[in-house]
Amino acid sequence: MKILIVGPSWVGDMVMAQTLFQCLQQRHPGCEIDVLAPEWSRPILERMPEVRQALNFPLGHGVLELATRRKIGKSLAGQYDQAILLPNSLKSALVPFFAGIPTRTGWKGELRYGLLNDIRTLDKERYPLMIERFMALAFEPGAELPQPYPRPALQINAQSRDAALSKFGLSLDRPVLALCPGAEFGEAKRWPSEHYAKVAELKIRAGWQVWLFGSKNDHAVGEDIRGRLIPGLREEASNLAGDTSLAEAIDLMSCAGAVVSNDSGLMHVAAALNRPLVAVYGSTSPGFTPPLAEHVEIVRLGLECSPCFDRTCRFGHYNCLGQLKPRPVIEALDRLVSDPVEVE
């Protein structure tokens, strides 16, 4: 059984897609799974043992370029028994259609009749979680999902991890607190820098070191957090945001004794690495895309106006995050690390 997955376009979604791959391997032992996805996702897919190979999809999100999609599809013709589409767009259905893959499976979306021949109607009440919507595509319509649900589990190569430590001059002489203060979704997912800085200060005084993770867009936030620490403490915080590749960030985060993160792709990476994790929620809800790991504490205020799922606060105050003070996050960290998970 050879299966082509058309993958999602976000880090967190790609991590959660591993639950589908695990279900496919359960249903079709030894099946060969290839994932067609943007090149940035390769470091994630390479750390999933269920995936045979990552296939680079060169077109950006929302770009049609019909001729390119036809060319990619023709290059894949005759190689797969089934295609499973995780995006719900019409565009995502074109490559499997042009490839002539016999079974093309996905949820009913943007006018995809004819492009898909195994089209499913989503029951959002039956499948409220994103992973449930992914996993259900591995089975016949109406089938019961396996219990307990599988969890993403990224595998780390020790040599690759050690190379990243050496490259950035990092050591493990003290426990590492990883902070992930960014969120590509927007401001309404970002816990304030001053709150992150207070958490960093308290953990550094307790003998920890702090590593800040994120994209190049998050580098300034990392510097803001470091700038709020007094000299002597500031030197114990390393701002890696924008300096690491995604592969290096994954490998380095595997060294963390604990992680504090906004609802972001890196939150799901931390969960898939089974790091003790405090997930801070504001405008979004853990009821749809919760971090999937054993050692997780979710901290949120649950104000009347949240979750709103807006990128910016419609009221302009961002109270769902601004009024969430450091104390509950610190208390959650203390509960998690009282029985810490050892770094392998």
Protein backbone atom coordinates (compact mmCIF):
# COMPACT_ATOMS: atom_id res chain seq x y z
CA MET A 1 0.00 0.00 0.00
CA LYS A 2 1.52 3.29 -1.14
CA ILE A 3 -0.13 6.45 0.11
CA LEU A 4 0.43 10.09 -0.81
CA ILE A 5 -0.52 12.66 1.83
CA VAL A 6 -1.12 16.25 0.77
CA GLY A 7 0.10 17.96 3.90
CA PRO A 8 -1.02 21.11 5.72
CA SER A 9 0.72 24.48 5.58
CA TRP A 10 1.34 25.18 9.29
CA VAL A 11 3.94 23.77 11.69
CA GLY A 12 1.45 22.73 14.36
CA ASP A 13 -0.88 21.08 11.87
CA MET A 14 2.01 19.12 10.36
CA VAL A 15 3.01 17.85 13.79
CA MET A 16 -0.56 16.78 14.53
CA ALA A 17 -0.78 15.04 11.15
CA GLN A 18 1.50 12.35 12.57
CA THR A 19 -1.58 10.90 14.26
CA LEU A 20 -2.97 10.14 10.80
CA PHE A 21 0.29 8.50 9.73
CA GLN A 22 0.22 6.34 12.86
CA CYS A 23 -3.36 5.27 12.12
CA LEU A 24 -2.45 4.40 8.53
CA GLN A 25 0.41 2.22 9.71
CA GLN A 26 -1.96 0.54 12.13
CA ARG A 27 -4.54 -0.17 9.43
CA HIS A 28 -2.03 -1.04 6.67
CA PRO A 29 1.08 -2.40 8.39
CA GLY A 30 4.19 -1.64 6.35
CA CYS A 31 2.46 0.89 4.11
CA GLU A 32 4.68 3.46 2.44
CA ILE A 33 3.69 7.04 3.23
CA ASP A 34 5.02 10.02 1.30
CA VAL A 35 4.01 13.58 2.20
CA LEU A 36 3.70 16.36 -0.38
CA ALA A 37 4.28 19.56 1.54
CA PRO A 38 6.26 22.82 1.60
CA GLU A 39 10.01 22.40 1.95
CA TRP A 40 10.05 24.00 5.41
CA SER A 41 8.22 20.93 6.77
CA ARG A 42 11.00 18.49 5.85
CA PRO A 43 12.72 18.64 9.30
CA ILE A 44 9.43 17.65 10.94
CA LEU A 45 8.66 14.84 8.51
CA GLU A 46 12.20 13.47 8.69
CA ARG A 47 11.69 12.99 12.43
CA MET A 48 8.54 10.89 11.92
CA PRO A 49 9.37 7.19 11.50
CA GLU A 50 6.04 6.53 9.77
CA VAL A 51 6.97 8.72 6.78
CA ARG A 52 9.07 7.26 3.95
CA GLN A 53 9.90 10.58 2.33
CA ALA A 54 8.96 14.24 2.18
CA LEU A 55 8.17 15.54 -1.31
CA ASN A 56 8.78 19.24 -1.84
CA PHE A 57 5.73 21.20 -2.98
CA PRO A 58 7.14 24.46 -4.39
CA LEU A 59 4.02 26.61 -4.57
CA GLY A 60 3.14 29.04 -1.80
CA HIS A 61 -0.09 29.04 0.16
CA GLY A 62 -2.98 30.20 -2.03
CA VAL A 63 -1.05 30.09 -5.32
CA LEU A 64 -2.87 28.28 -8.16
CA GLU A 65 -0.34 27.88 -11.02
CA LEU A 66 -2.35 25.15 -12.69
CA ALA A 67 0.43 24.16 -15.10
CA THR A 68 2.86 23.52 -12.25
CA ARG A 69 0.30 21.43 -10.36
CA ARG A 70 -0.37 19.39 -13.50
CA LYS A 71 3.37 18.83 -14.00
CA ILE A 72 3.82 17.66 -10.41
CA GLY A 73 0.80 15.39 -10.70
CA LYS A 74 2.03 13.79 -13.94
CA SER A 75 5.42 13.15 -12.30
CA LEU A 76 3.69 11.15 -9.57
CA ALA A 77 1.46 9.10 -11.88
CA GLY A 78 1.38 5.36 -11.25
CA GLN A 79 3.18 5.53 -7.89
CA TYR A 80 0.36 5.50 -5.34
CA ASP A 81 -2.74 3.52 -4.42
CA GLN A 82 -4.38 6.31 -2.42
CA ALA A 83 -4.06 10.04 -1.82
CA ILE A 84 -5.31 11.64 1.40
CA LEU A 85 -5.78 15.40 1.43
CA LEU A 86 -5.53 17.30 4.71
CA PRO A 87 -6.28 20.81 3.35
CA ASN A 88 -9.88 21.41 2.32
CA SER A 89 -9.10 23.61 -0.68
CA LEU A 90 -9.85 22.86 -4.31
CA LYS A 91 -6.21 23.59 -5.20
CA SER A 92 -4.94 20.83 -2.90
CA ALA A 93 -6.99 18.25 -4.84
CA LEU A 94 -5.45 19.02 -8.21
CA VAL A 95 -2.11 17.18 -7.93
CA PRO A 96 -3.65 13.82 -6.90
CA PHE A 97 -6.24 14.23 -9.67
CA PHE A 98 -3.59 14.93 -12.32
CA ALA A 99 -1.57 11.98 -10.96
CA GLY A 100 -4.55 9.68 -11.55
CA ILE A 101 -4.27 8.16 -8.08
CA PRO A 102 -7.05 5.53 -7.88
CA THR A 103 -8.47 6.56 -4.49
CA ARG A 104 -8.49 10.25 -3.59
CA THR A 105 -9.76 10.84 -0.05
CA GLY A 106 -10.66 14.09 1.73
CA TRP A 107 -13.34 16.11 3.44
CA LYS A 108 -15.89 17.91 1.32
CA GLY A 109 -14.46 21.37 0.68
CA GLU A 110 -14.28 23.93 -2.09
CA LEU A 111 -16.14 22.38 -5.04
CA ARG A 112 -13.96 19.25 -5.07
CA TYR A 113 -16.56 16.91 -6.57
CA GLY A 114 -14.90 15.05 -9.43
CA LEU A 115 -11.42 15.77 -8.14
CA LEU A 116 -12.01 13.49 -5.14
CA ASN A 117 -13.69 10.10 -5.47
CA ASP A 118 -13.73 9.26 -1.76
CA ILE A 119 -15.28 12.43 -0.43
CA ARG A 120 -16.36 12.65 3.19
CA THR A 121 -18.85 14.94 4.93
CA LEU A 122 -17.45 16.25 8.19
CA ASP A 123 -19.51 15.95 11.36
CA LYS A 124 -17.90 18.63 13.52
CA GLU A 125 -19.71 17.47 16.64
CA ARG A 126 -18.44 13.93 16.25
CA TYR A 127 -14.91 15.10 15.44
CA PRO A 128 -14.32 18.35 17.39
CA LEU A 129 -10.52 17.94 17.48
CA MET A 130 -8.30 18.53 14.48
CA ILE A 131 -6.48 15.24 15.09
CA GLU A 132 -9.81 13.42 14.97
CA ARG A 133 -10.51 14.96 11.58
CA PHE A 134 -7.08 13.85 10.39
CA MET A 135 -7.30 10.34 11.87
CA ALA A 136 -10.79 9.65 10.51
CA LEU A 137 -9.44 9.83 6.95
CA ALA A 138 -7.38 6.69 7.62
CA PHE A 139 -10.53 4.59 8.05
CA GLU A 140 -13.80 3.84 6.33
CA PRO A 141 -16.57 6.42 6.88
CA GLY A 142 -18.23 5.94 10.25
CA ALA A 143 -15.48 3.74 11.70
CA GLU A 144 -14.59 4.18 15.36
CA LEU A 145 -11.27 5.86 16.00
CA PRO A 146 -8.66 3.89 17.97
CA GLN A 147 -8.51 4.49 21.70
CA PRO A 148 -6.48 5.92 23.25
CA TYR A 149 -5.58 8.35 20.49
CA PRO A 150 -2.02 8.16 19.20
CA ARG A 151 0.22 11.11 20.02
CA PRO A 152 2.82 12.80 17.85
CA ALA A 153 6.33 11.64 18.75
CA LEU A 154 9.27 13.22 16.94
CA GLN A 155 12.50 11.22 16.99
CA ILE A 156 15.78 13.01 17.68
CA ASN A 157 19.19 12.00 16.35
CA ALA A 158 21.78 12.51 19.09
CA GLN A 159 24.49 13.45 16.62
CA SER A 160 22.30 16.13 15.05
CA ARG A 161 21.36 17.48 18.47
CA ASP A 162 24.97 17.63 19.63
CA ALA A 163 25.95 19.46 16.44
CA ALA A 164 23.31 22.12 17.16
CA LEU A 165 24.53 22.51 20.74
CA SER A 166 28.08 22.97 19.49
CA LYS A 167 27.09 25.42 16.73
CA PHE A 168 25.38 27.80 19.15
CA GLY A 169 27.83 27.31 22.01
CA LEU A 170 25.18 25.89 24.34
CA SER A 171 25.77 23.54 27.24
CA LEU A 172 23.55 21.41 29.45
CA ASP A 173 25.33 22.19 32.71
CA ARG A 174 22.05 23.63 34.05
CA PRO A 175 18.45 22.72 33.32
CA VAL A 176 17.00 24.51 30.30
CA LEU A 177 13.74 26.45 30.24
CA ALA A 178 12.62 26.94 26.63
CA LEU A 179 10.42 29.98 25.98
CA CYS A 180 8.40 30.31 22.77
CA PRO A 181 6.99 33.87 22.88
CA GLY A 182 5.99 34.19 19.22
CA ALA A 183 2.92 33.25 17.23
CA GLU A 184 2.66 33.57 13.46
CA PHE A 185 -1.14 33.73 13.77
CA GLY A 186 -1.06 37.23 15.29
CA GLU A 187 -0.87 39.43 18.37
CA ALA A 188 -3.92 37.84 19.97
CA LYS A 189 -1.90 34.68 20.64
CA ARG A 190 1.15 36.42 22.20
CA TRP A 191 1.53 36.49 25.96
CA PRO A 192 3.23 39.82 26.86
CA SER A 193 7.03 40.05 26.93
CA GLU A 194 7.08 41.38 30.48
CA HIS A 195 5.31 38.24 31.71
CA TYR A 196 7.76 35.97 29.88
CA ALA A 197 10.63 38.02 31.36
CA LYS A 198 9.33 37.50 34.89
CA VAL A 199 9.13 33.75 34.35
CA ALA A 200 12.68 33.80 32.94
CA GLU A 201 13.94 35.82 35.90
CA LEU A 202 12.49 33.49 38.50
CA LYS A 203 13.76 30.33 36.82
CA ILE A 204 17.26 31.78 36.28
CA ARG A 205 17.41 32.74 39.98
CA ALA A 206 16.43 29.11 40.71
CA GLY A 207 19.47 27.85 38.78
CA TRP A 208 18.05 27.37 35.29
CA GLN A 209 19.16 28.79 31.96
CA VAL A 210 16.70 30.13 29.37
CA TRP A 211 16.64 29.55 25.63
CA LEU A 212 14.26 31.63 23.50
CA PHE A 213 12.90 30.02 20.33
CA GLY A 214 11.01 31.35 17.33
CA SER A 215 11.25 32.60 13.77
CA LYS A 216 13.13 35.68 12.59
CA ASN A 217 9.91 37.61 13.20
CA ASP A 218 10.22 36.72 16.89
CA HIS A 219 13.84 37.81 17.34
CA ALA A 220 12.87 41.31 18.49
CA VAL A 221 10.47 39.85 21.07
CA GLY A 222 13.27 37.64 22.35
CA GLU A 223 15.55 40.66 22.68
CA ASP A 224 12.80 42.54 24.51
CA ILE A 225 12.51 39.69 27.01
CA ARG A 226 16.29 39.58 27.52
CA GLY A 227 16.41 43.38 27.86
CA ARG A 228 14.00 43.22 30.79
CA LEU A 229 16.43 41.04 32.75
CA ILE A 230 19.05 42.72 34.91
CA PRO A 231 22.75 42.27 34.14
CA GLY A 232 23.91 38.98 35.60
CA LEU A 233 20.64 37.32 34.72
CA ARG A 234 20.48 38.53 31.13
CA GLU A 235 23.60 36.54 30.27
CA GLU A 236 21.79 33.33 31.23
CA ALA A 237 19.19 33.84 28.48
CA SER A 238 20.07 32.91 24.89
CA ASN A 239 17.91 34.36 22.12
CA LEU A 240 17.89 31.73 19.37
CA ALA A 241 14.81 33.10 17.59
CA GLY A 242 15.59 33.59 13.92
CA ASP A 243 19.09 32.14 14.21
CA THR A 244 18.27 28.44 14.16
CA SER A 245 16.79 26.44 11.34
CA LEU A 246 13.60 24.57 12.18
CA ALA A 247 15.64 21.36 12.37
CA GLU A 248 18.04 22.93 14.88
CA ALA A 249 15.18 24.37 16.91
CA ILE A 250 13.56 20.93 17.18
CA ASP A 251 16.81 19.28 18.22
CA LEU A 252 17.66 21.97 20.77
CA MET A 253 14.15 22.00 22.24
CA SER A 254 14.50 18.28 22.90
CA CYS A 255 17.09 19.30 25.53
CA ALA A 256 14.64 21.43 27.52
CA GLY A 257 13.67 20.49 31.03
CA ALA A 258 10.49 22.51 30.57
CA VAL A 259 8.81 24.72 27.96
CA VAL A 260 6.49 27.72 28.17
CA SER A 261 4.79 28.54 24.88
CA ASN A 262 1.98 30.46 23.32
CA ASP A 263 -0.51 28.47 21.23
CA SER A 264 1.85 28.07 18.28
CA GLY A 265 3.58 25.55 16.06
CA LEU A 266 6.47 25.30 18.51
CA MET A 267 3.99 24.41 21.24
CA HIS A 268 3.05 21.32 19.25
CA VAL A 269 6.73 20.56 18.60
CA ALA A 270 7.41 20.67 22.35
CA ALA A 271 4.47 18.33 22.97
CA ALA A 272 5.69 15.92 20.28
CA LEU A 273 9.09 15.89 22.03
CA ASN A 274 7.29 15.04 25.29
CA ARG A 275 8.79 18.03 27.10
CA PRO A 276 7.03 19.27 30.25
CA LEU A 277 4.96 22.06 28.75
CA VAL A 278 2.96 25.04 29.96
CA ALA A 279 0.72 26.22 27.12
CA VAL A 280 -0.63 29.77 27.39
CA TYR A 281 -3.95 30.35 25.62
CA GLY A 282 -5.70 33.65 24.95
CA SER A 283 -7.80 34.17 21.84
CA THR A 284 -7.81 30.49 20.88
CA SER A 285 -9.02 27.33 22.57
CA PRO A 286 -7.41 24.04 23.59
CA GLY A 287 -10.72 22.45 22.64
CA PHE A 288 -9.67 22.22 18.96
CA THR A 289 -5.88 21.90 18.81
CA PRO A 290 -4.61 21.03 22.29
CA PRO A 291 -0.97 20.04 22.83
CA LEU A 292 -0.85 16.23 22.77
CA ALA A 293 1.51 15.02 25.49
CA GLU A 294 1.49 13.59 29.00
CA HIS A 295 3.20 16.42 30.88
CA VAL A 296 1.11 19.45 29.92
CA GLU A 297 -0.55 22.25 31.88
CA ILE A 298 -2.85 24.65 30.04
CA VAL A 299 -3.14 28.16 31.50
CA ARG A 300 -5.87 30.54 30.36
CA LEU A 301 -8.26 33.07 31.88
CA GLY A 302 -11.35 32.04 29.92
CA LEU A 303 -12.78 35.56 29.72
CA GLU A 304 -16.29 36.04 28.37
CA CYS A 305 -14.89 37.39 25.08
CA SER A 306 -12.58 34.43 24.50
CA PRO A 307 -11.98 32.33 22.56
CA CYS A 308 -12.65 34.69 19.65
CA PHE A 309 -10.06 33.19 17.24
CA ASP A 310 -9.26 36.70 15.95
CA ARG A 311 -5.72 37.69 14.94
CA THR A 312 -6.11 41.07 16.66
CA CYS A 313 -8.31 41.96 19.61
CA ARG A 314 -11.57 43.49 18.39
CA PHE A 315 -11.71 45.53 21.63
CA GLY A 316 -8.05 46.55 21.49
CA HIS A 317 -7.22 45.47 25.05
CA TYR A 318 -5.93 41.87 24.70
CA ASN A 319 -7.08 41.23 28.27
CA CYS A 320 -7.22 37.47 27.74
CA LEU A 321 -3.40 37.51 27.73
CA GLY A 322 -2.46 40.82 29.37
CA GLN A 323 -4.40 40.03 32.54
CA LEU A 324 -2.93 36.52 32.71
CA LYS A 325 -0.11 37.16 35.16
CA PRO A 326 3.10 35.11 35.56
CA ARG A 327 2.11 33.45 38.86
CA PRO A 328 -0.19 30.72 37.42
CA VAL A 329 2.42 29.92 34.77
CA ILE A 330 5.18 29.64 37.39
CA GLU A 331 2.95 27.46 39.57
CA ALA A 332 2.18 25.22 36.59
CA LEU A 333 5.91 24.93 35.83
CA ASP A 334 6.62 23.98 39.43
CA ARG A 335 4.01 21.23 39.30
CA LEU A 336 5.47 19.85 36.07
CA VAL A 337 9.15 19.87 37.04
CA SER A 338 8.58 18.42 40.50
CA ASP A 339 8.56 15.13 38.58
CA PRO A 340 10.71 16.12 35.58
CA VAL A 341 11.09 14.15 32.37
CA GLU A 342 14.73 13.22 31.83
CA VAL A 343 16.48 14.48 28.69
CA GLU A 344 17.77 11.49 26.77
